[in-house]
Amino acid sequence: MSMRKHNSDFLLSTNVGAPIRIRRAIHLNDLVLVKRIIKNHPEQLQNPDYDDNGNTSLHLAARLGLIDIAVSEDADLNHYLIDAGHEDESISRNANGDTPIHLAVETSLPLATLLATTFPHCIAWKNKQGADAIMLSARTSPSPPASSTTSTAAKTSPTVTTSLPPFHQRTTSASPPPLLATLLTLSPVPSPTLLAQADDDGNTALHYASAYGQLRAIRALLAAGA
């Protein structure tokens, strides 16, 4: 029996709870199965996993960087979750206070852009460490969407880390800062106010960019008034 057939049988089995099947289908990037399971169990749309920091379906997709996983060019898992009403009642937060955009800014540029465009008011929201999406995007360059063969590895890092690295671990990469211009443009909070925000340790977005050696992010933040 092929691995694909085994996974499909597992996900369609009524002997396995819908929450587990939904999470497995998301890990497999299988939009068809996600839609099928949620159609039969609409109450499990958000499906928070309290063994995984309270991450919802959208958090999981964001953490895995999944966006281009669908059967057609104009459909993907995150559009489906959003259109199905995942965030209609309120913006989901995990146990760390992260919204999906907190996770997406460090995993997937297209997904983070989608979430920022759909929920611009969340850009300035802080997690329990006081970090917002601008701070987290200033320190990193999101990777391309994860493939189904590597996505399960993300299970080992369910939270966003906001502590600054030791000096010897800081990168001197001059990679362009993805998202910064988009986030600053879309946020309803004025840039000077947004860039003055600090986390619980007093670090602003400029501190994050400096600590991680993101030279172009530093230039962009200074040009925006940081």
C-alpha atoms as a PDB file:
ATOM      1  CA  MET A   1       0.000   0.000   0.000  1.00  0.00           C
ATOM      2  CA  SER A   2       1.408   3.416  -0.943  1.00  0.00           C
ATOM      3  CA  MET A   3       2.046   6.034   1.761  1.00  0.00           C
ATOM      4  CA  ARG A   4      -0.453   8.349   0.054  1.00  0.00           C
ATOM      5  CA  LYS A   5      -3.163   5.677   0.113  1.00  0.00           C
ATOM      6  CA  HIS A   6      -2.367   4.878   3.757  1.00  0.00           C
ATOM      7  CA  ASN A   7      -2.655   8.540   4.754  1.00  0.00           C
ATOM      8  CA  SER A   8      -5.922   8.959   2.857  1.00  0.00           C
ATOM      9  CA  ASP A   9      -7.422   5.883   4.525  1.00  0.00           C
ATOM     10  CA  PHE A  10      -6.296   7.171   7.914  1.00  0.00           C
ATOM     11  CA  LEU A  11      -7.743  10.633   7.343  1.00  0.00           C
ATOM     12  CA  LEU A  12     -11.074   9.294   6.143  1.00  0.00           C
ATOM     13  CA  SER A  13     -11.400   6.748   8.933  1.00  0.00           C
ATOM     14  CA  THR A  14     -14.259   7.397  11.346  1.00  0.00           C
ATOM     15  CA  ASN A  15     -12.269   5.556  14.009  1.00  0.00           C
ATOM     16  CA  VAL A  16      -9.902   8.523  14.283  1.00  0.00           C
ATOM     17  CA  GLY A  17     -11.197  11.767  15.793  1.00  0.00           C
ATOM     18  CA  ALA A  18     -11.869  14.660  13.435  1.00  0.00           C
ATOM     19  CA  PRO A  19      -9.442  17.038  15.231  1.00  0.00           C
ATOM     20  CA  ILE A  20      -6.526  14.645  14.682  1.00  0.00           C
ATOM     21  CA  ARG A  21      -7.510  14.030  11.049  1.00  0.00           C
ATOM     22  CA  ILE A  22      -7.751  17.750  10.317  1.00  0.00           C
ATOM     23  CA  ARG A  23      -4.305  18.418  11.736  1.00  0.00           C
ATOM     24  CA  ARG A  24      -2.810  15.505   9.827  1.00  0.00           C
ATOM     25  CA  ALA A  25      -4.425  16.705   6.589  1.00  0.00           C
ATOM     26  CA  ILE A  26      -2.970  20.182   7.129  1.00  0.00           C
ATOM     27  CA  HIS A  27       0.483  18.680   7.675  1.00  0.00           C
ATOM     28  CA  LEU A  28       0.042  16.807   4.391  1.00  0.00           C
ATOM     29  CA  ASN A  29      -0.964  19.997   2.537  1.00  0.00           C
ATOM     30  CA  ASP A  30      -4.136  18.213   1.435  1.00  0.00           C
ATOM     31  CA  LEU A  31      -6.830  20.829   0.924  1.00  0.00           C
ATOM     32  CA  VAL A  32      -9.340  18.352  -0.511  1.00  0.00           C
ATOM     33  CA  LEU A  33      -9.260  16.249   2.638  1.00  0.00           C
ATOM     34  CA  VAL A  34      -9.309  19.284   4.948  1.00  0.00           C
ATOM     35  CA  LYS A  35     -12.449  20.534   3.205  1.00  0.00           C
ATOM     36  CA  ARG A  36     -14.065  17.106   3.299  1.00  0.00           C
ATOM     37  CA  ILE A  37     -13.428  16.601   7.027  1.00  0.00           C
ATOM     38  CA  ILE A  38     -14.513  20.114   8.008  1.00  0.00           C
ATOM     39  CA  LYS A  39     -17.640  19.824   5.845  1.00  0.00           C
ATOM     40  CA  ASN A  40     -18.637  16.843   7.971  1.00  0.00           C
ATOM     41  CA  HIS A  41     -17.443  18.468  11.202  1.00  0.00           C
ATOM     42  CA  PRO A  42     -17.899  22.248  10.821  1.00  0.00           C
ATOM     43  CA  GLU A  43     -17.580  22.741  14.567  1.00  0.00           C
ATOM     44  CA  GLN A  44     -13.911  21.695  14.243  1.00  0.00           C
ATOM     45  CA  LEU A  45     -12.915  24.521  11.883  1.00  0.00           C
ATOM     46  CA  GLN A  46     -10.626  26.266  14.366  1.00  0.00           C
ATOM     47  CA  ASN A  47      -9.632  23.019  16.081  1.00  0.00           C
ATOM     48  CA  PRO A  48      -7.220  24.375  18.758  1.00  0.00           C
ATOM     49  CA  ASP A  49      -4.606  21.842  19.786  1.00  0.00           C
ATOM     50  CA  TYR A  50      -3.962  22.275  23.510  1.00  0.00           C
ATOM     51  CA  ASP A  51      -1.045  19.855  23.314  1.00  0.00           C
ATOM     52  CA  ASP A  52       0.561  22.211  20.783  1.00  0.00           C
ATOM     53  CA  ASN A  53       0.374  25.615  22.479  1.00  0.00           C
ATOM     54  CA  GLY A  54      -3.297  26.005  21.598  1.00  0.00           C
ATOM     55  CA  ASN A  55      -2.558  26.480  17.899  1.00  0.00           C
ATOM     56  CA  THR A  56      -5.650  26.551  15.695  1.00  0.00           C
ATOM     57  CA  SER A  57      -5.927  25.270  12.125  1.00  0.00           C
ATOM     58  CA  LEU A  58      -4.846  28.656  10.779  1.00  0.00           C
ATOM     59  CA  HIS A  59      -1.952  28.865  13.250  1.00  0.00           C
ATOM     60  CA  LEU A  60      -0.769  25.448  12.107  1.00  0.00           C
ATOM     61  CA  ALA A  61      -0.967  26.382   8.432  1.00  0.00           C
ATOM     62  CA  ALA A  62       0.847  29.645   9.185  1.00  0.00           C
ATOM     63  CA  ARG A  63       3.581  27.940  11.180  1.00  0.00           C
ATOM     64  CA  LEU A  64       4.150  25.458   8.364  1.00  0.00           C
ATOM     65  CA  GLY A  65       4.182  28.248   5.797  1.00  0.00           C
ATOM     66  CA  LEU A  66       1.441  26.619   3.722  1.00  0.00           C
ATOM     67  CA  ILE A  67      -0.246  28.633   1.027  1.00  0.00           C
ATOM     68  CA  ASP A  68       0.225  27.055  -2.423  1.00  0.00           C
ATOM     69  CA  ILE A  69      -1.021  23.600  -1.526  1.00  0.00           C
ATOM     70  CA  ALA A  70      -4.289  23.468  -3.409  1.00  0.00           C
ATOM     71  CA  VAL A  71      -5.783  21.754  -6.397  1.00  0.00           C
ATOM     72  CA  SER A  72      -5.941  24.945  -8.453  1.00  0.00           C
ATOM     73  CA  GLU A  73      -3.951  28.147  -8.783  1.00  0.00           C
ATOM     74  CA  ASP A  74      -6.577  30.328  -7.126  1.00  0.00           C
ATOM     75  CA  ALA A  75      -7.348  28.105  -4.153  1.00  0.00           C
ATOM     76  CA  ASP A  76      -5.266  27.278  -1.111  1.00  0.00           C
ATOM     77  CA  LEU A  77      -5.740  26.108   2.438  1.00  0.00           C
ATOM     78  CA  ASN A  78      -5.469  29.499   4.075  1.00  0.00           C
ATOM     79  CA  HIS A  79      -7.968  31.161   1.737  1.00  0.00           C
ATOM     80  CA  TYR A  80     -10.289  28.252   2.456  1.00  0.00           C
ATOM     81  CA  LEU A  81      -9.904  28.537   6.243  1.00  0.00           C
ATOM     82  CA  ILE A  82     -10.442  32.294   6.125  1.00  0.00           C
ATOM     83  CA  ASP A  83     -13.403  32.076   3.725  1.00  0.00           C
ATOM     84  CA  ALA A  84     -14.928  29.306   5.847  1.00  0.00           C
ATOM     85  CA  GLY A  85     -15.094  31.720   8.770  1.00  0.00           C
ATOM     86  CA  HIS A  86     -12.052  30.723  10.836  1.00  0.00           C
ATOM     87  CA  GLU A  87     -11.579  34.294  12.099  1.00  0.00           C
ATOM     88  CA  ASP A  88     -15.153  35.577  11.794  1.00  0.00           C
ATOM     89  CA  GLU A  89     -15.979  35.698  15.506  1.00  0.00           C
ATOM     90  CA  SER A  90     -12.568  36.839  16.691  1.00  0.00           C
ATOM     91  CA  ILE A  91      -8.919  36.675  15.695  1.00  0.00           C
ATOM     92  CA  SER A  92      -7.464  33.444  17.021  1.00  0.00           C
ATOM     93  CA  ARG A  93      -4.576  33.536  19.473  1.00  0.00           C
ATOM     94  CA  ASN A  94      -2.562  30.641  20.817  1.00  0.00           C
ATOM     95  CA  ALA A  95      -1.294  30.215  24.384  1.00  0.00           C
ATOM     96  CA  ASN A  96       1.626  32.517  23.600  1.00  0.00           C
ATOM     97  CA  GLY A  97      -0.738  35.255  22.451  1.00  0.00           C
ATOM     98  CA  ASP A  98       0.362  34.832  18.838  1.00  0.00           C
ATOM     99  CA  THR A  99      -2.105  35.477  16.050  1.00  0.00           C
ATOM    100  CA  PRO A 100      -1.526  33.549  12.794  1.00  0.00           C
ATOM    101  CA  ILE A 101       0.344  36.519  11.342  1.00  0.00           C
ATOM    102  CA  HIS A 102       2.924  36.334  14.157  1.00  0.00           C
ATOM    103  CA  LEU A 103       3.844  32.867  12.892  1.00  0.00           C
ATOM    104  CA  ALA A 104       3.494  33.546   9.173  1.00  0.00           C
ATOM    105  CA  VAL A 105       5.934  36.485   9.059  1.00  0.00           C
ATOM    106  CA  GLU A 106       8.746  34.039   9.787  1.00  0.00           C
ATOM    107  CA  THR A 107       7.686  31.211   7.502  1.00  0.00           C
ATOM    108  CA  SER A 108       5.994  32.405   4.310  1.00  0.00           C
ATOM    109  CA  LEU A 109       6.050  35.751   2.541  1.00  0.00           C
ATOM    110  CA  PRO A 110       2.897  35.054   0.457  1.00  0.00           C
ATOM    111  CA  LEU A 111       0.960  33.808   3.472  1.00  0.00           C
ATOM    112  CA  ALA A 112       2.044  36.691   5.690  1.00  0.00           C
ATOM    113  CA  THR A 113       1.032  39.108   2.946  1.00  0.00           C
ATOM    114  CA  LEU A 114      -2.371  37.409   2.655  1.00  0.00           C
ATOM    115  CA  LEU A 115      -2.974  37.631   6.411  1.00  0.00           C
ATOM    116  CA  ALA A 116      -1.754  41.231   6.620  1.00  0.00           C
ATOM    117  CA  THR A 117      -4.015  42.231   3.738  1.00  0.00           C
ATOM    118  CA  THR A 118      -7.031  40.422   5.213  1.00  0.00           C
ATOM    119  CA  PHE A 119      -6.476  41.405   8.849  1.00  0.00           C
ATOM    120  CA  PRO A 120      -4.410  44.632   8.800  1.00  0.00           C
ATOM    121  CA  HIS A 121      -5.521  45.623  12.298  1.00  0.00           C
ATOM    122  CA  CYS A 122      -3.584  42.618  13.675  1.00  0.00           C
ATOM    123  CA  ILE A 123      -0.214  43.892  12.467  1.00  0.00           C
ATOM    124  CA  ALA A 124       0.278  46.002  15.584  1.00  0.00           C
ATOM    125  CA  TRP A 125      -1.060  43.394  18.024  1.00  0.00           C
ATOM    126  CA  LYS A 126       1.446  42.072  20.538  1.00  0.00           C
ATOM    127  CA  ASN A 127       1.956  38.561  21.852  1.00  0.00           C
ATOM    128  CA  LYS A 128       2.706  37.743  25.491  1.00  0.00           C
ATOM    129  CA  GLN A 129       6.330  38.798  25.058  1.00  0.00           C
ATOM    130  CA  GLY A 130       5.197  42.129  23.677  1.00  0.00           C
ATOM    131  CA  ALA A 131       6.352  41.413  20.114  1.00  0.00           C
ATOM    132  CA  ASP A 132       4.319  42.496  17.102  1.00  0.00           C
ATOM    133  CA  ALA A 133       4.512  41.390  13.469  1.00  0.00           C
ATOM    134  CA  ILE A 134       6.795  44.292  12.519  1.00  0.00           C
ATOM    135  CA  MET A 135       9.377  43.262  15.117  1.00  0.00           C
ATOM    136  CA  LEU A 136       9.337  39.617  14.070  1.00  0.00           C
ATOM    137  CA  SER A 137       9.509  40.396  10.356  1.00  0.00           C
ATOM    138  CA  ALA A 138      12.413  42.798  10.941  1.00  0.00           C
ATOM    139  CA  ARG A 139      14.628  39.986  12.161  1.00  0.00           C
ATOM    140  CA  THR A 140      14.083  37.320   9.519  1.00  0.00           C
ATOM    141  CA  SER A 141      13.391  36.454   5.901  1.00  0.00           C
ATOM    142  CA  PRO A 142      10.499  33.987   5.568  1.00  0.00           C
ATOM    143  CA  SER A 143      11.231  30.766   3.710  1.00  0.00           C
ATOM    144  CA  PRO A 144       9.199  29.531   0.734  1.00  0.00           C
ATOM    145  CA  PRO A 145       6.108  27.480   1.619  1.00  0.00           C
ATOM    146  CA  ALA A 146       7.048  24.207   3.277  1.00  0.00           C
ATOM    147  CA  SER A 147       6.712  20.978   1.322  1.00  0.00           C
ATOM    148  CA  SER A 148       4.684  18.062   2.624  1.00  0.00           C
ATOM    149  CA  THR A 149       7.878  16.066   3.123  1.00  0.00           C
ATOM    150  CA  THR A 150       9.322  18.551   5.583  1.00  0.00           C
ATOM    151  CA  SER A 151       6.330  20.244   7.173  1.00  0.00           C
ATOM    152  CA  THR A 152       6.034  17.931  10.165  1.00  0.00           C
ATOM    153  CA  ALA A 153       9.408  19.101  11.431  1.00  0.00           C
ATOM    154  CA  ALA A 154       7.792  22.370  12.472  1.00  0.00           C
ATOM    155  CA  LYS A 155       6.013  20.527  15.273  1.00  0.00           C
ATOM    156  CA  THR A 156       9.148  20.942  17.359  1.00  0.00           C
ATOM    157  CA  SER A 157       8.886  24.751  17.454  1.00  0.00           C
ATOM    158  CA  PRO A 158       5.305  25.690  18.284  1.00  0.00           C
ATOM    159  CA  THR A 159       5.952  29.168  19.707  1.00  0.00           C
ATOM    160  CA  VAL A 160       7.475  32.396  18.479  1.00  0.00           C
ATOM    161  CA  THR A 161      10.769  33.136  20.237  1.00  0.00           C
ATOM    162  CA  THR A 162      11.341  36.817  20.907  1.00  0.00           C
ATOM    163  CA  SER A 163      14.580  36.786  22.906  1.00  0.00           C
ATOM    164  CA  LEU A 164      17.554  38.303  21.116  1.00  0.00           C
ATOM    165  CA  PRO A 165      20.442  35.975  20.148  1.00  0.00           C
ATOM    166  CA  PRO A 166      23.977  35.953  21.563  1.00  0.00           C
ATOM    167  CA  PHE A 167      26.302  38.187  19.560  1.00  0.00           C
ATOM    168  CA  HIS A 168      28.226  35.278  18.008  1.00  0.00           C
ATOM    169  CA  GLN A 169      24.986  33.807  16.638  1.00  0.00           C
ATOM    170  CA  ARG A 170      23.849  36.951  14.878  1.00  0.00           C
ATOM    171  CA  THR A 171      23.798  36.896  11.133  1.00  0.00           C
ATOM    172  CA  THR A 172      25.356  39.569   8.961  1.00  0.00           C
ATOM    173  CA  SER A 173      23.067  38.712   6.060  1.00  0.00           C
ATOM    174  CA  ALA A 174      21.956  41.667   3.982  1.00  0.00           C
ATOM    175  CA  SER A 175      18.890  39.866   2.656  1.00  0.00           C
ATOM    176  CA  PRO A 176      16.041  42.230   1.834  1.00  0.00           C
ATOM    177  CA  PRO A 177      13.479  42.508   4.636  1.00  0.00           C
ATOM    178  CA  PRO A 178      10.338  40.859   3.280  1.00  0.00           C
ATOM    179  CA  LEU A 179       7.033  42.291   4.438  1.00  0.00           C
ATOM    180  CA  LEU A 180       8.288  45.404   6.186  1.00  0.00           C
ATOM    181  CA  ALA A 181       7.057  47.851   3.557  1.00  0.00           C
ATOM    182  CA  THR A 182       3.801  45.906   3.173  1.00  0.00           C
ATOM    183  CA  LEU A 183       3.164  45.732   6.914  1.00  0.00           C
ATOM    184  CA  LEU A 184       3.951  49.403   7.450  1.00  0.00           C
ATOM    185  CA  THR A 185       1.696  50.391   4.549  1.00  0.00           C
ATOM    186  CA  LEU A 186      -1.256  48.190   5.531  1.00  0.00           C
ATOM    187  CA  SER A 187      -1.268  48.817   9.267  1.00  0.00           C
ATOM    188  CA  PRO A 188      -3.889  51.360  10.381  1.00  0.00           C
ATOM    189  CA  VAL A 189      -1.458  52.408  13.116  1.00  0.00           C
ATOM    190  CA  PRO A 190       0.790  55.265  11.914  1.00  0.00           C
ATOM    191  CA  SER A 191       4.374  54.158  11.222  1.00  0.00           C
ATOM    192  CA  PRO A 192       6.014  56.385  13.883  1.00  0.00           C
ATOM    193  CA  THR A 193       3.710  54.929  16.544  1.00  0.00           C
ATOM    194  CA  LEU A 194       4.138  51.381  15.284  1.00  0.00           C
ATOM    195  CA  LEU A 195       7.926  51.602  15.123  1.00  0.00           C
ATOM    196  CA  ALA A 196       8.093  53.064  18.629  1.00  0.00           C
ATOM    197  CA  GLN A 197       6.392  50.000  20.093  1.00  0.00           C
ATOM    198  CA  ALA A 198       8.653  47.919  22.309  1.00  0.00           C
ATOM    199  CA  ASP A 199       8.427  44.368  23.615  1.00  0.00           C
ATOM    200  CA  ASP A 200       8.528  43.471  27.307  1.00  0.00           C
ATOM    201  CA  ASP A 201      12.327  43.803  27.317  1.00  0.00           C
ATOM    202  CA  GLY A 202      12.204  47.248  25.751  1.00  0.00           C
ATOM    203  CA  ASN A 203      13.256  46.124  22.262  1.00  0.00           C
ATOM    204  CA  THR A 204      11.762  47.887  19.235  1.00  0.00           C
ATOM    205  CA  ALA A 205      11.694  46.621  15.648  1.00  0.00           C
ATOM    206  CA  LEU A 206      15.007  48.402  15.081  1.00  0.00           C
ATOM    207  CA  HIS A 207      16.546  46.458  17.973  1.00  0.00           C
ATOM    208  CA  TYR A 208      15.344  43.197  16.397  1.00  0.00           C
ATOM    209  CA  ALA A 209      16.773  44.063  12.989  1.00  0.00           C
ATOM    210  CA  SER A 210      20.079  45.171  14.536  1.00  0.00           C
ATOM    211  CA  ALA A 211      20.383  42.085  16.758  1.00  0.00           C
ATOM    212  CA  TYR A 212      19.895  39.759  13.788  1.00  0.00           C
ATOM    213  CA  GLY A 213      22.129  41.702  11.404  1.00  0.00           C
ATOM    214  CA  GLN A 214      19.333  42.534   8.967  1.00  0.00           C
ATOM    215  CA  LEU A 215      21.054  45.484   7.318  1.00  0.00           C
ATOM    216  CA  ARG A 216      18.386  46.267   4.758  1.00  0.00           C
ATOM    217  CA  ALA A 217      15.729  46.047   7.424  1.00  0.00           C
ATOM    218  CA  ILE A 218      17.689  48.547   9.491  1.00  0.00           C
ATOM    219  CA  ARG A 219      17.834  50.935   6.525  1.00  0.00           C
ATOM    220  CA  ALA A 220      14.128  50.477   5.804  1.00  0.00           C
ATOM    221  CA  LEU A 221      13.153  51.075   9.442  1.00  0.00           C
ATOM    222  CA  LEU A 222      15.319  54.200   9.684  1.00  0.00           C
ATOM    223  CA  ALA A 223      13.834  55.507   6.447  1.00  0.00           C
ATOM    224  CA  ALA A 224      10.343  54.919   7.879  1.00  0.00           C
ATOM    225  CA  GLY A 225      11.144  56.999  10.956  1.00  0.00           C
ATOM    226  CA  ALA A 226      12.419  54.504  13.515  1.00  0.00           C
END
